[in-house]
Amino acid sequence: MTDANPKVKLQPTCDRLEAGRRCTATVHRITISQAIVSSALEVPKVSNTLAKEVLRSHLSGETGLAEALSGLIVPIDPAKPFDPAKSLELIAEGIAKQTVVNVETVIAAAVVVLSHSTADDIFTDALKIAIDVDPNGWLSEVSQNNKVTLKQMSEEGVEGVLAGALRSFRNRLGRKESLPSRAELLFRHIKILHNSIFEAKDPRRFKLALLKGADDLRVKIVHGTGLPKIDIDHSKSTMLFLHEAAFTAIRSVGGAFNLPLDMEYFKQLATNAAATAFVEGSD
């Protein structure tokens, strides 16, 4: 995008090596996030075991269901007494099945929300890296109607005033716009660099329309009345798309400015994360 004021040249606040390390850190965060939420999606695979355990706990008396029902259930026809054990089994089976449904619904929703949070953070970071590396390319986003005092102008100069305005714009990114809006903003300034292994029709390939759909789904989950019904397959496809969207953001920034990934730094981050997980698991 054309500079807002071609006579003003701001200096980058981040060099390529540091920007590359920041990109490396975001790649690591995306990788860890995808691993965590993917593991959560493994839980429904043991849903039959969960249902059996819930049923067993009710029938064994551990939950107090039998005692609660004994005083509530009475036969409609006193001449035809019911079998308490059979009634308990039927009700316990229904509760066990519903428990599985509830667990899968909660996991499916949580995976979408957590994946959206990762994408949200990464797009904000990608924007900040792009601004820090190429501030002049983002001056067009600074409002030309900002009021400036003569004192500011004399003390900071034109460059200082514009740098401060751009810094304020940068720092508001994560609080102001929605995820799709920030994606639109980023890709107005840099070219989208897709993952070459995903064909155009692949549901994981970044598309702004799909990002808006994932954002709408997250709004329904967080702000709706009750959790919407989301099956595990839909949750998984949304999770994969959102993480690929995050990778696309940082890949595009890295490609636009030829930023090197620091693989030694990535290994260090991965080692530290593994060590932390081991220590916490030992407590």
C-alpha atoms as a PDB file:
ATOM      1  CA  MET A   1       0.000   0.000   0.000  1.00  0.00           C
ATOM      2  CA  THR A   2       1.234   3.510  -0.813  1.00  0.00           C
ATOM      3  CA  ASP A   3       2.704   5.481   2.075  1.00  0.00           C
ATOM      4  CA  ALA A   4       0.369   8.124   3.481  1.00  0.00           C
ATOM      5  CA  ASN A   5       3.144  10.725   3.395  1.00  0.00           C
ATOM      6  CA  PRO A   6       5.990   9.885   0.989  1.00  0.00           C
ATOM      7  CA  LYS A   7       8.156  12.649   2.537  1.00  0.00           C
ATOM      8  CA  VAL A   8       8.092  10.951   5.940  1.00  0.00           C
ATOM      9  CA  LYS A   9      10.229   7.873   6.483  1.00  0.00           C
ATOM     10  CA  LEU A  10       9.851   6.094   9.793  1.00  0.00           C
ATOM     11  CA  GLN A  11      12.489   3.676  10.965  1.00  0.00           C
ATOM     12  CA  PRO A  12      11.534   0.035  11.620  1.00  0.00           C
ATOM     13  CA  THR A  13      11.252  -0.792  15.305  1.00  0.00           C
ATOM     14  CA  CYS A  14      12.240  -4.407  14.708  1.00  0.00           C
ATOM     15  CA  ASP A  15      14.992  -5.842  12.483  1.00  0.00           C
ATOM     16  CA  ARG A  16      14.570  -8.931  10.322  1.00  0.00           C
ATOM     17  CA  LEU A  17      16.293 -11.300  12.723  1.00  0.00           C
ATOM     18  CA  GLU A  18      14.172 -10.251  15.681  1.00  0.00           C
ATOM     19  CA  ALA A  19      11.033 -10.343  13.523  1.00  0.00           C
ATOM     20  CA  GLY A  20      12.052 -13.832  12.421  1.00  0.00           C
ATOM     21  CA  ARG A  21      12.331 -14.956  16.043  1.00  0.00           C
ATOM     22  CA  ARG A  22       8.896 -13.524  16.758  1.00  0.00           C
ATOM     23  CA  CYS A  23       7.497 -15.431  13.769  1.00  0.00           C
ATOM     24  CA  THR A  24       9.215 -18.560  15.049  1.00  0.00           C
ATOM     25  CA  ALA A  25       7.590 -18.119  18.465  1.00  0.00           C
ATOM     26  CA  THR A  26       4.145 -17.745  16.899  1.00  0.00           C
ATOM     27  CA  VAL A  27       4.658 -20.883  14.789  1.00  0.00           C
ATOM     28  CA  HIS A  28       5.516 -22.749  17.984  1.00  0.00           C
ATOM     29  CA  ARG A  29       2.378 -21.403  19.698  1.00  0.00           C
ATOM     30  CA  ILE A  30       0.182 -22.523  16.808  1.00  0.00           C
ATOM     31  CA  THR A  31       1.758 -25.974  16.833  1.00  0.00           C
ATOM     32  CA  ILE A  32       1.235 -26.389  20.584  1.00  0.00           C
ATOM     33  CA  SER A  33      -2.343 -25.109  20.373  1.00  0.00           C
ATOM     34  CA  GLN A  34      -3.251 -27.538  17.606  1.00  0.00           C
ATOM     35  CA  ALA A  35      -1.711 -30.441  19.510  1.00  0.00           C
ATOM     36  CA  ILE A  36      -3.697 -29.575  22.664  1.00  0.00           C
ATOM     37  CA  VAL A  37      -7.101 -29.172  21.044  1.00  0.00           C
ATOM     38  CA  SER A  38      -6.536 -32.196  18.816  1.00  0.00           C
ATOM     39  CA  SER A  39      -5.968 -34.295  21.929  1.00  0.00           C
ATOM     40  CA  ALA A  40      -9.287 -33.056  23.343  1.00  0.00           C
ATOM     41  CA  LEU A  41     -11.036 -34.406  20.256  1.00  0.00           C
ATOM     42  CA  GLU A  42      -9.764 -37.885  21.138  1.00  0.00           C
ATOM     43  CA  VAL A  43     -12.077 -38.054  24.179  1.00  0.00           C
ATOM     44  CA  PRO A  44     -15.245 -38.951  22.193  1.00  0.00           C
ATOM     45  CA  LYS A  45     -13.450 -42.064  20.949  1.00  0.00           C
ATOM     46  CA  VAL A  46     -13.908 -43.540  24.431  1.00  0.00           C
ATOM     47  CA  SER A  47     -17.540 -42.448  24.737  1.00  0.00           C
ATOM     48  CA  ASN A  48     -18.742 -46.058  25.032  1.00  0.00           C
ATOM     49  CA  THR A  49     -16.440 -46.579  28.001  1.00  0.00           C
ATOM     50  CA  LEU A  50     -17.716 -43.349  29.553  1.00  0.00           C
ATOM     51  CA  ALA A  51     -21.339 -44.403  29.086  1.00  0.00           C
ATOM     52  CA  LYS A  52     -20.668 -47.778  30.703  1.00  0.00           C
ATOM     53  CA  GLU A  53     -18.943 -46.158  33.686  1.00  0.00           C
ATOM     54  CA  VAL A  54     -21.780 -43.658  34.181  1.00  0.00           C
ATOM     55  CA  LEU A  55     -24.328 -46.484  34.002  1.00  0.00           C
ATOM     56  CA  ARG A  56     -22.327 -48.587  36.478  1.00  0.00           C
ATOM     57  CA  SER A  57     -22.050 -45.708  38.954  1.00  0.00           C
ATOM     58  CA  HIS A  58     -25.835 -45.200  38.922  1.00  0.00           C
ATOM     59  CA  LEU A  59     -26.700 -48.876  39.232  1.00  0.00           C
ATOM     60  CA  SER A  60     -24.172 -49.449  42.014  1.00  0.00           C
ATOM     61  CA  GLY A  61     -25.672 -46.699  44.143  1.00  0.00           C
ATOM     62  CA  GLU A  62     -22.620 -44.431  44.053  1.00  0.00           C
ATOM     63  CA  THR A  63     -24.588 -41.470  42.710  1.00  0.00           C
ATOM     64  CA  GLY A  64     -27.669 -41.797  44.910  1.00  0.00           C
ATOM     65  CA  LEU A  65     -29.951 -42.045  41.868  1.00  0.00           C
ATOM     66  CA  ALA A  66     -31.666 -45.199  43.166  1.00  0.00           C
ATOM     67  CA  GLU A  67     -32.560 -43.569  46.484  1.00  0.00           C
ATOM     68  CA  ALA A  68     -33.795 -40.426  44.784  1.00  0.00           C
ATOM     69  CA  LEU A  69     -36.055 -42.371  42.433  1.00  0.00           C
ATOM     70  CA  SER A  70     -37.424 -44.745  45.065  1.00  0.00           C
ATOM     71  CA  GLY A  71     -39.555 -42.021  46.612  1.00  0.00           C
ATOM     72  CA  LEU A  72     -40.575 -40.419  43.352  1.00  0.00           C
ATOM     73  CA  ILE A  73     -41.649 -43.207  41.047  1.00  0.00           C
ATOM     74  CA  VAL A  74     -44.977 -44.832  41.847  1.00  0.00           C
ATOM     75  CA  PRO A  75     -46.982 -47.178  39.617  1.00  0.00           C
ATOM     76  CA  ILE A  76     -49.940 -45.708  37.747  1.00  0.00           C
ATOM     77  CA  ASP A  77     -51.924 -48.844  38.464  1.00  0.00           C
ATOM     78  CA  PRO A  78     -51.341 -50.151  42.032  1.00  0.00           C
ATOM     79  CA  ALA A  79     -52.453 -53.556  40.818  1.00  0.00           C
ATOM     80  CA  LYS A  80     -49.474 -53.654  38.506  1.00  0.00           C
ATOM     81  CA  PRO A  81     -46.385 -52.889  40.572  1.00  0.00           C
ATOM     82  CA  PHE A  82     -43.271 -51.966  38.636  1.00  0.00           C
ATOM     83  CA  ASP A  83     -39.843 -53.486  38.907  1.00  0.00           C
ATOM     84  CA  PRO A  84     -37.642 -50.843  40.689  1.00  0.00           C
ATOM     85  CA  ALA A  85     -34.438 -52.391  39.377  1.00  0.00           C
ATOM     86  CA  LYS A  86     -35.668 -52.348  35.784  1.00  0.00           C
ATOM     87  CA  SER A  87     -36.924 -48.765  36.079  1.00  0.00           C
ATOM     88  CA  LEU A  88     -33.601 -47.662  37.541  1.00  0.00           C
ATOM     89  CA  GLU A  89     -31.724 -49.379  34.718  1.00  0.00           C
ATOM     90  CA  LEU A  90     -33.845 -47.695  32.023  1.00  0.00           C
ATOM     91  CA  ILE A  91     -33.424 -44.240  33.556  1.00  0.00           C
ATOM     92  CA  ALA A  92     -29.700 -44.772  34.210  1.00  0.00           C
ATOM     93  CA  GLU A  93     -29.183 -45.836  30.586  1.00  0.00           C
ATOM     94  CA  GLY A  94     -30.875 -42.655  29.404  1.00  0.00           C
ATOM     95  CA  ILE A  95     -28.725 -40.517  31.688  1.00  0.00           C
ATOM     96  CA  ALA A  96     -25.567 -42.300  30.516  1.00  0.00           C
ATOM     97  CA  LYS A  97     -26.393 -41.658  26.859  1.00  0.00           C
ATOM     98  CA  GLN A  98     -27.170 -38.005  27.578  1.00  0.00           C
ATOM     99  CA  THR A  99     -23.901 -37.661  29.486  1.00  0.00           C
ATOM    100  CA  VAL A 100     -21.986 -38.752  26.400  1.00  0.00           C
ATOM    101  CA  VAL A 101     -23.914 -36.250  24.260  1.00  0.00           C
ATOM    102  CA  ASN A 102     -23.230 -33.470  26.776  1.00  0.00           C
ATOM    103  CA  VAL A 103     -19.518 -34.247  26.940  1.00  0.00           C
ATOM    104  CA  GLU A 104     -19.169 -34.277  23.164  1.00  0.00           C
ATOM    105  CA  THR A 105     -21.121 -31.017  22.864  1.00  0.00           C
ATOM    106  CA  VAL A 106     -18.924 -29.279  25.423  1.00  0.00           C
ATOM    107  CA  ILE A 107     -15.699 -30.594  23.868  1.00  0.00           C
ATOM    108  CA  ALA A 108     -16.803 -29.625  20.357  1.00  0.00           C
ATOM    109  CA  ALA A 109     -17.662 -26.108  21.500  1.00  0.00           C
ATOM    110  CA  ALA A 110     -14.494 -25.690  23.577  1.00  0.00           C
ATOM    111  CA  VAL A 111     -12.297 -26.774  20.665  1.00  0.00           C
ATOM    112  CA  VAL A 112     -13.847 -24.118  18.428  1.00  0.00           C
ATOM    113  CA  VAL A 113     -13.456 -21.375  21.047  1.00  0.00           C
ATOM    114  CA  LEU A 114      -9.844 -22.274  21.889  1.00  0.00           C
ATOM    115  CA  SER A 115      -8.874 -22.547  18.214  1.00  0.00           C
ATOM    116  CA  HIS A 116     -10.486 -19.186  17.505  1.00  0.00           C
ATOM    117  CA  SER A 117      -8.544 -17.665  20.401  1.00  0.00           C
ATOM    118  CA  THR A 118      -5.283 -18.929  18.922  1.00  0.00           C
ATOM    119  CA  ALA A 119      -6.089 -17.552  15.469  1.00  0.00           C
ATOM    120  CA  ASP A 120      -7.186 -14.269  17.030  1.00  0.00           C
ATOM    121  CA  ASP A 121      -3.889 -13.853  18.895  1.00  0.00           C
ATOM    122  CA  ILE A 122      -1.767 -14.859  15.908  1.00  0.00           C
ATOM    123  CA  PHE A 123      -3.424 -12.437  13.490  1.00  0.00           C
ATOM    124  CA  THR A 124      -2.831  -9.645  15.996  1.00  0.00           C
ATOM    125  CA  ASP A 125       0.816 -10.659  16.353  1.00  0.00           C
ATOM    126  CA  ALA A 126       1.211 -10.909  12.576  1.00  0.00           C
ATOM    127  CA  LEU A 127      -0.126  -7.372  12.172  1.00  0.00           C
ATOM    128  CA  LYS A 128       2.229  -6.050  14.836  1.00  0.00           C
ATOM    129  CA  ILE A 129       5.246  -7.715  13.233  1.00  0.00           C
ATOM    130  CA  ALA A 130       4.311  -6.295   9.831  1.00  0.00           C
ATOM    131  CA  ILE A 131       3.919  -2.796  11.281  1.00  0.00           C
ATOM    132  CA  ASP A 132       7.191  -3.004  13.217  1.00  0.00           C
ATOM    133  CA  VAL A 133       9.146  -4.150  10.157  1.00  0.00           C
ATOM    134  CA  ASP A 134       7.538  -1.779   7.659  1.00  0.00           C
ATOM    135  CA  PRO A 135       5.986   1.185   9.505  1.00  0.00           C
ATOM    136  CA  ASN A 136       5.867   3.357   6.387  1.00  0.00           C
ATOM    137  CA  GLY A 137       3.587   0.859   4.692  1.00  0.00           C
ATOM    138  CA  TRP A 138       0.997   1.326   7.430  1.00  0.00           C
ATOM    139  CA  LEU A 139       0.866   5.109   7.762  1.00  0.00           C
ATOM    140  CA  SER A 140      -2.228   5.106   5.564  1.00  0.00           C
ATOM    141  CA  GLU A 141      -4.105   3.449   8.442  1.00  0.00           C
ATOM    142  CA  VAL A 142      -3.392   6.364  10.795  1.00  0.00           C
ATOM    143  CA  SER A 143      -6.212   8.884  10.960  1.00  0.00           C
ATOM    144  CA  GLN A 144      -5.218  12.185   9.398  1.00  0.00           C
ATOM    145  CA  ASN A 145      -7.693  13.935  11.705  1.00  0.00           C
ATOM    146  CA  ASN A 146      -5.768  13.322  14.910  1.00  0.00           C
ATOM    147  CA  LYS A 147      -5.226  16.548  16.834  1.00  0.00           C
ATOM    148  CA  VAL A 148      -1.601  17.518  17.395  1.00  0.00           C
ATOM    149  CA  THR A 149      -0.371  20.379  19.576  1.00  0.00           C
ATOM    150  CA  LEU A 150       2.391  22.751  18.557  1.00  0.00           C
ATOM    151  CA  LYS A 151       4.351  21.485  21.560  1.00  0.00           C
ATOM    152  CA  GLN A 152       4.173  17.932  20.257  1.00  0.00           C
ATOM    153  CA  MET A 153       5.228  19.040  16.814  1.00  0.00           C
ATOM    154  CA  SER A 154       8.162  21.034  18.110  1.00  0.00           C
ATOM    155  CA  GLU A 155       9.362  18.338  20.520  1.00  0.00           C
ATOM    156  CA  GLU A 156       8.718  15.227  18.427  1.00  0.00           C
ATOM    157  CA  GLY A 157       8.723  16.468  14.861  1.00  0.00           C
ATOM    158  CA  VAL A 158       6.519  15.061  12.109  1.00  0.00           C
ATOM    159  CA  GLU A 159       8.176  11.650  12.267  1.00  0.00           C
ATOM    160  CA  GLY A 160       7.761  11.413  16.031  1.00  0.00           C
ATOM    161  CA  VAL A 161       4.121  12.398  15.922  1.00  0.00           C
ATOM    162  CA  LEU A 162       3.341   9.907  13.164  1.00  0.00           C
ATOM    163  CA  ALA A 163       5.326   7.184  14.910  1.00  0.00           C
ATOM    164  CA  GLY A 164       3.312   7.765  18.079  1.00  0.00           C
ATOM    165  CA  ALA A 165       0.021   7.677  16.188  1.00  0.00           C
ATOM    166  CA  LEU A 166       1.033   4.468  14.438  1.00  0.00           C
ATOM    167  CA  ARG A 167       2.096   2.956  17.774  1.00  0.00           C
ATOM    168  CA  SER A 168      -1.328   3.772  19.244  1.00  0.00           C
ATOM    169  CA  PHE A 169      -3.026   2.194  16.219  1.00  0.00           C
ATOM    170  CA  ARG A 170      -0.820  -0.894  16.604  1.00  0.00           C
ATOM    171  CA  ASN A 171      -1.554  -1.283  20.301  1.00  0.00           C
ATOM    172  CA  ARG A 172      -5.315  -1.102  19.766  1.00  0.00           C
ATOM    173  CA  LEU A 173      -5.415  -3.907  17.218  1.00  0.00           C
ATOM    174  CA  GLY A 174      -6.245  -6.724  19.626  1.00  0.00           C
ATOM    175  CA  ARG A 175      -9.006  -4.802  21.378  1.00  0.00           C
ATOM    176  CA  LYS A 176     -10.816  -3.065  18.591  1.00  0.00           C
ATOM    177  CA  GLU A 177     -11.579  -5.190  15.552  1.00  0.00           C
ATOM    178  CA  SER A 178     -13.022  -8.665  15.067  1.00  0.00           C
ATOM    179  CA  LEU A 179     -10.828 -11.497  13.810  1.00  0.00           C
ATOM    180  CA  PRO A 180     -12.189 -11.278  10.220  1.00  0.00           C
ATOM    181  CA  SER A 181     -11.667  -7.495  10.242  1.00  0.00           C
ATOM    182  CA  ARG A 182      -8.043  -7.915  11.306  1.00  0.00           C
ATOM    183  CA  ALA A 183      -7.525 -10.565   8.632  1.00  0.00           C
ATOM    184  CA  GLU A 184      -8.917  -8.168   6.019  1.00  0.00           C
ATOM    185  CA  LEU A 185      -6.608  -5.459   7.334  1.00  0.00           C
ATOM    186  CA  LEU A 186      -3.532  -7.679   7.183  1.00  0.00           C
ATOM    187  CA  PHE A 187      -4.222  -8.900   3.670  1.00  0.00           C
ATOM    188  CA  ARG A 188      -4.879  -5.412   2.368  1.00  0.00           C
ATOM    189  CA  HIS A 189      -1.190  -4.788   2.984  1.00  0.00           C
ATOM    190  CA  ILE A 190       0.453  -8.114   2.216  1.00  0.00           C
ATOM    191  CA  LYS A 191      -0.240 -10.942  -0.200  1.00  0.00           C
ATOM    192  CA  ILE A 192      -1.828 -14.126   1.137  1.00  0.00           C
ATOM    193  CA  LEU A 193       0.687 -16.947   1.029  1.00  0.00           C
ATOM    194  CA  HIS A 194      -1.278 -20.198   1.031  1.00  0.00           C
ATOM    195  CA  ASN A 195       0.056 -23.594   2.017  1.00  0.00           C
ATOM    196  CA  SER A 196       0.898 -25.219  -1.300  1.00  0.00           C
ATOM    197  CA  ILE A 197      -0.246 -28.664  -0.150  1.00  0.00           C
ATOM    198  CA  PHE A 198      -3.870 -27.501   0.164  1.00  0.00           C
ATOM    199  CA  GLU A 199      -5.803 -27.277  -3.081  1.00  0.00           C
ATOM    200  CA  ALA A 200      -8.334 -24.514  -3.672  1.00  0.00           C
ATOM    201  CA  LYS A 201     -11.272 -26.688  -2.586  1.00  0.00           C
ATOM    202  CA  ASP A 202      -9.600 -28.016   0.555  1.00  0.00           C
ATOM    203  CA  PRO A 203     -11.669 -26.884   3.591  1.00  0.00           C
ATOM    204  CA  ARG A 204      -8.451 -26.138   5.481  1.00  0.00           C
ATOM    205  CA  ARG A 205      -7.243 -23.595   2.905  1.00  0.00           C
ATOM    206  CA  PHE A 206      -7.645 -20.022   4.111  1.00  0.00           C
ATOM    207  CA  LYS A 207     -10.683 -18.161   2.828  1.00  0.00           C
ATOM    208  CA  LEU A 208     -12.039 -15.003   4.407  1.00  0.00           C
ATOM    209  CA  ALA A 209     -15.624 -16.237   4.038  1.00  0.00           C
ATOM    210  CA  LEU A 210     -14.786 -19.380   6.020  1.00  0.00           C
ATOM    211  CA  LEU A 211     -13.067 -17.272   8.673  1.00  0.00           C
ATOM    212  CA  LYS A 212     -16.228 -15.182   9.033  1.00  0.00           C
ATOM    213  CA  GLY A 213     -18.239 -18.385   9.395  1.00  0.00           C
ATOM    214  CA  ALA A 214     -15.927 -19.681  12.127  1.00  0.00           C
ATOM    215  CA  ASP A 215     -16.127 -16.303  13.858  1.00  0.00           C
ATOM    216  CA  ASP A 216     -19.935 -16.382  13.758  1.00  0.00           C
ATOM    217  CA  LEU A 217     -19.903 -19.884  15.250  1.00  0.00           C
ATOM    218  CA  ARG A 218     -17.680 -18.723  18.091  1.00  0.00           C
ATOM    219  CA  VAL A 219     -20.093 -15.838  18.803  1.00  0.00           C
ATOM    220  CA  LYS A 220     -23.019 -18.295  19.004  1.00  0.00           C
ATOM    221  CA  ILE A 221     -21.088 -20.480  21.442  1.00  0.00           C
ATOM    222  CA  VAL A 222     -19.902 -17.686  23.719  1.00  0.00           C
ATOM    223  CA  HIS A 223     -22.834 -15.290  23.567  1.00  0.00           C
ATOM    224  CA  GLY A 224     -25.774 -17.498  22.604  1.00  0.00           C
ATOM    225  CA  THR A 225     -28.396 -18.933  24.939  1.00  0.00           C
ATOM    226  CA  GLY A 226     -27.081 -22.424  25.508  1.00  0.00           C
ATOM    227  CA  LEU A 227     -24.480 -24.326  23.527  1.00  0.00           C
ATOM    228  CA  PRO A 228     -25.364 -24.849  19.867  1.00  0.00           C
ATOM    229  CA  LYS A 229     -25.320 -28.420  18.649  1.00  0.00           C
ATOM    230  CA  ILE A 230     -21.924 -28.956  17.016  1.00  0.00           C
ATOM    231  CA  ASP A 231     -20.887 -32.419  15.978  1.00  0.00           C
ATOM    232  CA  ILE A 232     -17.308 -33.540  16.489  1.00  0.00           C
ATOM    233  CA  ASP A 233     -16.523 -33.629  12.758  1.00  0.00           C
ATOM    234  CA  HIS A 234     -17.626 -30.005  12.322  1.00  0.00           C
ATOM    235  CA  SER A 235     -15.617 -28.992  15.372  1.00  0.00           C
ATOM    236  CA  LYS A 236     -12.530 -30.758  14.021  1.00  0.00           C
ATOM    237  CA  SER A 237     -12.808 -29.193  10.559  1.00  0.00           C
ATOM    238  CA  THR A 238     -13.240 -25.740  12.140  1.00  0.00           C
ATOM    239  CA  MET A 239     -10.245 -26.351  14.394  1.00  0.00           C
ATOM    240  CA  LEU A 240      -8.048 -27.385  11.465  1.00  0.00           C
ATOM    241  CA  PHE A 241      -9.171 -24.387   9.412  1.00  0.00           C
ATOM    242  CA  LEU A 242      -8.539 -21.874  12.217  1.00  0.00           C
ATOM    243  CA  HIS A 243      -5.049 -23.187  12.889  1.00  0.00           C
ATOM    244  CA  GLU A 244      -4.232 -23.133   9.187  1.00  0.00           C
ATOM    245  CA  ALA A 245      -5.585 -19.563   9.090  1.00  0.00           C
ATOM    246  CA  ALA A 246      -3.120 -18.710  11.867  1.00  0.00           C
ATOM    247  CA  PHE A 247      -0.286 -20.376   9.954  1.00  0.00           C
ATOM    248  CA  THR A 248      -1.351 -18.472   6.826  1.00  0.00           C
ATOM    249  CA  ALA A 249      -1.142 -15.143   8.653  1.00  0.00           C
ATOM    250  CA  ILE A 250       2.379 -15.681   9.929  1.00  0.00           C
ATOM    251  CA  ARG A 251       3.518 -17.419   6.727  1.00  0.00           C
ATOM    252  CA  SER A 252       2.306 -14.443   4.689  1.00  0.00           C
ATOM    253  CA  VAL A 253       4.119 -11.933   6.902  1.00  0.00           C
ATOM    254  CA  GLY A 254       7.287 -14.000   6.774  1.00  0.00           C
ATOM    255  CA  GLY A 255       7.063 -14.268   3.008  1.00  0.00           C
ATOM    256  CA  ALA A 256       6.293 -10.583   2.495  1.00  0.00           C
ATOM    257  CA  PHE A 257       9.424  -9.458   4.353  1.00  0.00           C
ATOM    258  CA  ASN A 258      11.620 -12.500   3.767  1.00  0.00           C
ATOM    259  CA  LEU A 259      11.848 -13.214   7.490  1.00  0.00           C
ATOM    260  CA  PRO A 260      13.957 -16.229   8.487  1.00  0.00           C
ATOM    261  CA  LEU A 261      12.584 -18.825  10.885  1.00  0.00           C
ATOM    262  CA  ASP A 262      15.045 -19.558  13.663  1.00  0.00           C
ATOM    263  CA  MET A 263      14.899 -23.333  13.980  1.00  0.00           C
ATOM    264  CA  GLU A 264      17.340 -23.402  16.901  1.00  0.00           C
ATOM    265  CA  TYR A 265      15.027 -21.042  18.746  1.00  0.00           C
ATOM    266  CA  PHE A 266      12.068 -23.263  17.816  1.00  0.00           C
ATOM    267  CA  LYS A 267      13.860 -26.289  19.291  1.00  0.00           C
ATOM    268  CA  GLN A 268      14.578 -24.285  22.437  1.00  0.00           C
ATOM    269  CA  LEU A 269      10.909 -23.334  22.794  1.00  0.00           C
ATOM    270  CA  ALA A 270       9.831 -26.930  22.204  1.00  0.00           C
ATOM    271  CA  THR A 271      12.336 -28.225  24.762  1.00  0.00           C
ATOM    272  CA  ASN A 272      11.225 -25.688  27.360  1.00  0.00           C
ATOM    273  CA  ALA A 273       7.565 -26.561  26.778  1.00  0.00           C
ATOM    274  CA  ALA A 274       8.290 -30.277  27.172  1.00  0.00           C
ATOM    275  CA  ALA A 275      10.274 -29.671  30.350  1.00  0.00           C
ATOM    276  CA  THR A 276       7.470 -27.551  31.818  1.00  0.00           C
ATOM    277  CA  ALA A 277       4.890 -30.220  30.996  1.00  0.00           C
ATOM    278  CA  PHE A 278       7.066 -32.888  32.652  1.00  0.00           C
ATOM    279  CA  VAL A 279       7.522 -30.855  35.850  1.00  0.00           C
ATOM    280  CA  GLU A 280       3.827 -30.017  36.115  1.00  0.00           C
ATOM    281  CA  GLY A 281       2.920 -33.638  35.499  1.00  0.00           C
ATOM    282  CA  SER A 282       5.227 -34.736  38.312  1.00  0.00           C
ATOM    283  CA  ASP A 283       3.645 -32.478  40.934  1.00  0.00           C
END
